[in-house]
Amino acid sequence: MGIVSPGFQGRPRSQEPALPPGQYLTEDFPVLSAGPTPRVSLDTWEFVIAAENGTEYRWSWQELMALPQETAMVDIHCVTHWSKLGTTWQGVSLDTLLDGVDTSAHFALAHSYGGYTTNLPLDDLRGGRAWVAHTFDGAP
């Protein structure tokens, strides 16, 4: 008796070589949210970096838009198993925002207007690996 029974085909594999195992390709933008998307006026919106010593670095929307802008084309692979390939974003690199921030921290704790928080290694936010994006595919 053989190890593999006749007719065993295994799991179907994606024909798209850029997809990691277990991911499916989507053309739309599946959005998963813990609640409604907050609507914040650009007149009151701000981006704040608070260092562990209490120093805060702040940018209004106008100040953020005045910083050097970058365009990045990236593939997105979500933990909920969808992938969207070749997405184009415009925004400000975290390298620009973190330049001059005096910190010995190894992690960042990010807060959103909707109350969501997450922590990330600072190494994952530096070196051209993260942006505050404001434009997707040419639209806000």
Protein backbone atom coordinates (compact mmCIF):
# COMPACT_ATOMS: atom_id res chain seq x y z
CA MET A 1 0.00 0.00 0.00
CA GLY A 2 1.32 3.42 -1.00
CA ILE A 3 1.69 6.38 1.30
CA VAL A 4 -0.55 8.62 -0.83
CA SER A 5 -3.92 7.25 -1.84
CA PRO A 6 -4.92 7.41 -5.53
CA GLY A 7 -6.81 10.57 -6.39
CA PHE A 8 -5.22 12.74 -3.69
CA GLN A 9 -4.70 16.17 -5.22
CA GLY A 10 -3.80 18.28 -2.17
CA ARG A 11 -4.97 21.86 -1.73
CA PRO A 12 -5.41 23.97 -4.83
CA ARG A 13 -2.43 26.23 -5.44
CA SER A 14 -2.64 29.77 -6.77
CA GLN A 15 -1.29 30.27 -10.27
CA GLU A 16 -0.17 33.75 -9.18
CA PRO A 17 3.49 33.42 -8.11
CA ALA A 18 3.39 36.62 -5.98
CA LEU A 19 0.78 35.18 -3.61
CA PRO A 20 1.99 33.63 -0.37
CA PRO A 21 0.56 30.21 0.49
CA GLY A 22 -3.03 30.42 1.76
CA GLN A 23 -3.71 33.89 0.32
CA TYR A 24 -6.36 34.68 -2.30
CA LEU A 25 -6.15 37.51 -4.79
CA THR A 26 -8.71 40.32 -4.60
CA GLU A 27 -9.30 43.21 -6.97
CA ASP A 28 -11.45 45.20 -4.53
CA PHE A 29 -10.43 46.47 -1.13
CA PRO A 30 -11.83 44.31 1.67
CA VAL A 31 -11.97 46.56 4.71
CA LEU A 32 -12.15 45.11 8.18
CA SER A 33 -12.91 47.54 10.96
CA ALA A 34 -13.64 47.38 14.66
CA GLY A 35 -16.21 50.16 14.21
CA PRO A 36 -17.20 53.08 12.04
CA THR A 37 -14.47 55.05 10.31
CA PRO A 38 -14.03 58.32 12.20
CA ARG A 39 -14.47 61.49 10.16
CA VAL A 40 -11.90 64.08 11.21
CA SER A 41 -11.83 67.56 9.75
CA LEU A 42 -8.52 68.37 8.07
CA ASP A 43 -8.59 71.65 10.01
CA THR A 44 -8.27 69.77 13.32
CA TRP A 45 -6.41 66.64 12.16
CA GLU A 46 -2.90 66.20 13.52
CA PHE A 47 -0.14 63.61 13.57
CA VAL A 48 1.78 63.37 16.83
CA ILE A 49 4.91 61.48 17.81
CA ALA A 50 5.50 61.36 21.56
CA ALA A 51 8.95 60.27 22.69
CA GLU A 52 9.46 58.43 25.96
CA ASN A 53 10.91 61.60 27.54
CA GLY A 54 7.61 63.44 26.96
CA THR A 55 8.75 65.49 23.96
CA GLU A 56 6.02 65.73 21.30
CA TYR A 57 6.49 66.30 17.60
CA ARG A 58 3.30 67.55 15.87
CA TRP A 59 2.19 68.11 12.29
CA SER A 60 -1.08 69.61 11.09
CA TRP A 61 -2.53 68.38 7.81
CA GLN A 62 -1.04 71.37 5.99
CA GLU A 63 2.38 70.76 7.59
CA LEU A 64 2.28 67.06 6.69
CA MET A 65 1.41 67.89 3.08
CA ALA A 66 4.36 70.33 2.95
CA LEU A 67 6.84 67.56 3.82
CA PRO A 68 8.62 65.57 1.09
CA GLN A 69 6.09 63.22 -0.53
CA GLU A 70 6.86 59.75 -1.82
CA THR A 71 5.02 57.33 -4.06
CA ALA A 72 5.26 53.62 -3.29
CA MET A 73 3.92 50.60 -5.18
CA VAL A 74 3.42 47.67 -2.85
CA ASP A 75 1.63 44.35 -2.59
CA ILE A 76 -0.66 43.98 0.44
CA HIS A 77 -1.00 40.59 2.11
CA CYS A 78 -3.59 40.74 4.90
CA VAL A 79 -3.63 38.40 7.88
CA THR A 80 -7.24 37.57 6.93
CA HIS A 81 -5.86 35.79 3.82
CA TRP A 82 -6.52 38.31 1.03
CA SER A 83 -3.84 39.87 -1.13
CA LYS A 84 -4.02 42.93 -3.36
CA LEU A 85 -1.12 43.33 -5.75
CA GLY A 86 0.45 46.46 -7.21
CA THR A 87 -1.24 49.07 -5.00
CA THR A 88 0.04 52.63 -5.43
CA TRP A 89 0.17 55.00 -2.47
CA GLN A 90 1.42 58.52 -1.85
CA GLY A 91 2.42 59.92 1.51
CA VAL A 92 5.18 60.86 3.90
CA SER A 93 7.82 58.35 4.90
CA LEU A 94 8.12 57.57 8.60
CA ASP A 95 11.85 58.15 8.06
CA THR A 96 11.01 61.82 7.43
CA LEU A 97 8.75 62.04 10.48
CA LEU A 98 11.18 60.23 12.78
CA ASP A 99 14.18 62.29 11.65
CA GLY A 100 15.33 64.29 14.67
CA VAL A 101 13.18 62.36 17.15
CA ASP A 102 15.44 61.53 20.10
CA THR A 103 14.53 58.07 21.35
CA SER A 104 16.13 54.91 22.65
CA ALA A 105 12.88 52.98 22.19
CA HIS A 106 12.76 49.83 20.10
CA PHE A 107 8.97 49.84 19.65
CA ALA A 108 6.26 52.35 18.72
CA LEU A 109 2.73 52.34 20.09
CA ALA A 110 0.39 53.76 17.43
CA HIS A 111 -3.01 55.26 18.30
CA SER A 112 -5.75 56.11 15.81
CA TYR A 113 -8.63 58.55 15.95
CA GLY A 114 -11.01 55.58 16.20
CA GLY A 115 -9.33 54.34 19.37
CA TYR A 116 -7.45 51.46 17.74
CA THR A 117 -3.90 50.84 18.95
CA THR A 118 -1.09 48.59 17.84
CA ASN A 119 2.58 48.25 18.64
CA LEU A 120 5.33 47.82 16.07
CA PRO A 121 9.10 47.46 16.14
CA LEU A 122 10.68 50.78 15.15
CA ASP A 123 12.93 48.79 12.81
CA ASP A 124 9.78 47.94 10.81
CA LEU A 125 8.94 51.66 10.48
CA ARG A 126 12.34 52.83 9.28
CA GLY A 127 14.44 52.30 6.19
CA GLY A 128 11.74 53.16 3.65
CA ARG A 129 9.35 50.54 5.01
CA ALA A 130 6.43 52.66 6.31
CA TRP A 131 4.50 55.79 5.34
CA VAL A 132 1.63 57.93 6.52
CA ALA A 133 -0.34 57.52 3.31
CA HIS A 134 -3.00 59.97 2.19
CA THR A 135 -3.56 58.93 -1.41
CA PHE A 136 -4.42 55.54 -2.92
CA ASP A 137 -4.38 55.02 -6.67
CA GLY A 138 -4.43 58.79 -7.25
CA ALA A 139 -7.42 59.52 -4.98
CA PRO A 140 -7.60 60.69 -1.37
